[in-house]
Structures are given as structure tokens and as C-alpha cells.
C-alpha atoms as a PDB file:
ATOM      1  CA  MET A   1      69.635 116.135 209.910  1.00  0.00           C
ATOM      2  CA  SER A   2      65.901 116.533 209.717  1.00  0.00           C
ATOM      3  CA  GLN A   3      66.197 117.090 205.960  1.00  0.00           C
ATOM      4  CA  PHE A   4      66.667 113.327 205.542  1.00  0.00           C
ATOM      5  CA  THR A   5      63.565 111.207 205.189  1.00  0.00           C
ATOM      6  CA  GLY A   6      62.838 107.533 205.428  1.00  0.00           C
ATOM      7  CA  ALA A   7      64.225 104.898 207.742  1.00  0.00           C
ATOM      8  CA  LEU A   8      67.840 104.205 208.626  1.00  0.00           C
ATOM      9  CA  PRO A   9      69.313 101.047 207.100  1.00  0.00           C
ATOM     10  CA  ILE A  10      69.386  97.955 209.282  1.00  0.00           C
ATOM     11  CA  ASN A  11      72.218  95.472 209.664  1.00  0.00           C
ATOM     12  CA  ASP A  12      72.175  91.681 209.981  1.00  0.00           C
ATOM     13  CA  ASP A  13      72.282  91.766 213.790  1.00  0.00           C
ATOM     14  CA  ASP A  14      69.253  94.080 213.928  1.00  0.00           C
ATOM     15  CA  ILE A  15      67.344  91.820 211.541  1.00  0.00           C
ATOM     16  CA  ARG A  16      68.223  88.724 213.562  1.00  0.00           C
ATOM     17  CA  ASP A  17      67.219  90.284 216.902  1.00  0.00           C
ATOM     18  CA  VAL A  18      64.232  92.240 215.501  1.00  0.00           C
ATOM     19  CA  PHE A  19      65.356  95.568 217.016  1.00  0.00           C
ATOM     20  CA  PHE A  20      67.942  98.279 216.464  1.00  0.00           C
ATOM     21  CA  HIS A  21      70.928  97.908 218.749  1.00  0.00           C
ATOM     22  CA  LEU A  22      71.704 101.264 220.340  1.00  0.00           C
ATOM     23  CA  SER A  23      74.177 102.352 222.992  1.00  0.00           C
ATOM     24  CA  PHE A  24      74.215 104.944 225.697  1.00  0.00           C
ATOM     25  CA  GLU A  25      77.029 107.494 225.390  1.00  0.00           C
ATOM     26  CA  ASP A  26      79.230 105.763 227.979  1.00  0.00           C
ATOM     27  CA  GLN A  27      78.899 102.420 226.102  1.00  0.00           C
ATOM     28  CA  THR A  28      79.783 103.735 222.668  1.00  0.00           C
ATOM     29  CA  LYS A  29      83.552 103.219 222.630  1.00  0.00           C
ATOM     30  CA  LYS A  30      83.367  99.652 224.017  1.00  0.00           C
ATOM     31  CA  ILE A  31      80.657  98.561 221.569  1.00  0.00           C
ATOM     32  CA  ALA A  32      82.258 100.251 218.555  1.00  0.00           C
ATOM     33  CA  THR A  33      85.617  98.645 219.285  1.00  0.00           C
ATOM     34  CA  LYS A  34      84.179  95.214 220.078  1.00  0.00           C
ATOM     35  CA  TYR A  35      81.789  94.875 217.148  1.00  0.00           C
ATOM     36  CA  TYR A  36      82.701  97.471 214.512  1.00  0.00           C
ATOM     37  CA  SER A  37      86.508  97.791 214.522  1.00  0.00           C
ATOM     38  CA  GLN A  38      86.662  96.615 210.908  1.00  0.00           C
ATOM     39  CA  VAL A  39      84.085  99.116 209.666  1.00  0.00           C
ATOM     40  CA  PRO A  40      86.051 101.804 207.802  1.00  0.00           C
ATOM     41  CA  ASP A  41      83.310 104.453 207.750  1.00  0.00           C
ATOM     42  CA  LEU A  42      81.557 104.114 211.086  1.00  0.00           C
ATOM     43  CA  TYR A  43      79.376 107.054 212.135  1.00  0.00           C
ATOM     44  CA  ILE A  44      78.107 108.004 215.545  1.00  0.00           C
ATOM     45  CA  LEU A  45      74.451 109.011 215.484  1.00  0.00           C
ATOM     46  CA  THR A  46      72.876 111.001 218.254  1.00  0.00           C
ATOM     47  CA  ILE A  47      69.201 110.300 218.810  1.00  0.00           C
ATOM     48  CA  LEU A  48      67.290 111.798 221.721  1.00  0.00           C
ATOM     49  CA  ILE A  49      65.557 109.215 223.881  1.00  0.00           C
ATOM     50  CA  ASP A  50      62.423 111.350 224.087  1.00  0.00           C
ATOM     51  CA  ASP A  51      62.179 111.332 220.274  1.00  0.00           C
ATOM     52  CA  ILE A  52      61.959 107.533 220.098  1.00  0.00           C
ATOM     53  CA  SER A  53      60.278 106.763 223.439  1.00  0.00           C
ATOM     54  CA  ASP A  54      57.387 105.045 221.675  1.00  0.00           C
ATOM     55  CA  ILE A  55      59.696 102.333 220.245  1.00  0.00           C
ATOM     56  CA  LEU A  56      62.466 102.317 222.873  1.00  0.00           C
ATOM     57  CA  ARG A  57      63.061  99.632 225.504  1.00  0.00           C
ATOM     58  CA  VAL A  58      66.037  99.452 227.846  1.00  0.00           C
ATOM     59  CA  GLU A  59      66.929  95.802 228.281  1.00  0.00           C
ATOM     60  CA  ALA A  60      69.650  93.785 229.949  1.00  0.00           C
ATOM     61  CA  ASN A  61      72.058  91.700 227.924  1.00  0.00           C
ATOM     62  CA  LYS A  62      73.192  88.266 229.094  1.00  0.00           C
ATOM     63  CA  ASP A  63      75.689  89.945 231.460  1.00  0.00           C
ATOM     64  CA  GLY A  64      73.041  92.193 232.990  1.00  0.00           C
ATOM     65  CA  GLU A  65      74.250  95.407 231.329  1.00  0.00           C
ATOM     66  CA  LEU A  66      71.427  97.673 230.207  1.00  0.00           C
ATOM     67  CA  PHE A  67      71.220  98.726 226.568  1.00  0.00           C
ATOM     68  CA  PRO A  68      68.664 100.750 224.616  1.00  0.00           C
ATOM     69  CA  HIS A  69      66.870  98.839 221.861  1.00  0.00           C
ATOM     70  CA  ALA A  70      64.493 100.356 219.322  1.00  0.00           C
ATOM     71  CA  TYR A  71      61.610  98.163 218.200  1.00  0.00           C
ATOM     72  CA  GLY A  72      60.362  99.832 215.066  1.00  0.00           C
ATOM     73  CA  PRO A  73      61.608 101.910 212.174  1.00  0.00           C
ATOM     74  CA  MET A  74      64.395 104.328 213.043  1.00  0.00           C
ATOM     75  CA  LEU A  75      63.517 107.396 211.069  1.00  0.00           C
ATOM     76  CA  ARG A  76      66.325 109.540 209.714  1.00  0.00           C
ATOM     77  CA  SER A  77      64.418 112.585 210.912  1.00  0.00           C
ATOM     78  CA  LYS A  78      65.060 111.460 214.518  1.00  0.00           C
ATOM     79  CA  VAL A  79      68.853 111.738 214.096  1.00  0.00           C
ATOM     80  CA  LEU A  80      70.069 114.869 215.852  1.00  0.00           C
ATOM     81  CA  PHE A  81      73.515 114.601 214.284  1.00  0.00           C
ATOM     82  CA  ALA A  82      75.873 112.092 212.665  1.00  0.00           C
ATOM     83  CA  LYS A  83      79.648 112.336 212.955  1.00  0.00           C
ATOM     84  CA  PRO A  84      82.425 110.047 211.725  1.00  0.00           C
ATOM     85  CA  ALA A  85      83.900 107.928 214.501  1.00  0.00           C
ATOM     86  CA  PRO A  86      87.629 108.695 214.724  1.00  0.00           C
ATOM     87  CA  SER A  87      89.804 105.587 214.800  1.00  0.00           C
ATOM     88  CA  LYS A  88      93.405 104.577 214.565  1.00  0.00           C
ATOM     89  CA  ASP A  89      94.472 100.965 213.910  1.00  0.00           C
ATOM     90  CA  GLY A  90      90.937  99.701 214.529  1.00  0.00           C
ATOM     91  CA  VAL A  91      90.611 101.429 217.905  1.00  0.00           C
ATOM     92  CA  TYR A  92      87.978 104.122 218.181  1.00  0.00           C
ATOM     93  CA  HIS A  93      88.550 107.324 220.127  1.00  0.00           C
ATOM     94  CA  PHE A  94      85.569 109.242 221.364  1.00  0.00           C
ATOM     95  CA  PRO A  95      86.485 112.678 222.698  1.00  0.00           C
ATOM     96  CA  LYS A  96      83.706 114.326 224.693  1.00  0.00           C
ATOM     97  CA  GLU A  97      83.348 116.963 221.925  1.00  0.00           C
ATOM     98  CA  LEU A  98      82.102 114.245 219.580  1.00  0.00           C
ATOM     99  CA  PHE A  99      78.847 114.054 221.532  1.00  0.00           C
ATOM    100  CA  GLN A 100      78.162 117.778 221.606  1.00  0.00           C
END
């Protein structure tokens, strides 16, 4: 995806919290289902931690679970790949192959 330039779009939650909300692979299904079940064209983006280490912080939420947050522009050139998130009836399914 390195042919894309510029920054990724930000959503209202990212604007409010002043960082990009990211998830580790094992958190993806839970977060997608909880917050994005009504999004008809959700995509899973893979971004290597090393590629954004200068803007990345791993922080605990109010329940103590650790999440990656990016404080700064998320450049499209940092996206390793983007794939549609398969869903049925608002429930996302993330087969292991999706992350390869």
C-alpha cells in the first residue's frame, strides 16, 4: 500500500481523544464488534509497530487493558495491507488468514 500518500482519515473518537485508536491482533474482533458493528465497509489495516514507534504509546484503558495509541499523523505509507472485515448480521469474523 506504499503507493498511497498522505494521512489516514480520523474519526470523531480520535479527534476527541487526540490519538488514533489502534488494536492488537487479539483485540480486533472484540473492538470491531463493540464499536463498529454498524459500519458497512470496515477495513482491517495492518501497521507494523516498528514503523510507527515514534508516535506509538501502549496505554491502559479504564479497565486496565493495554491498547496501542498513535499520537501523530498516521501515514498511508505505513499501512502494510488493508482488507475488508468479513461480517454477518453485524458480527465480525476474523479468520487467522486475514492477518497474513
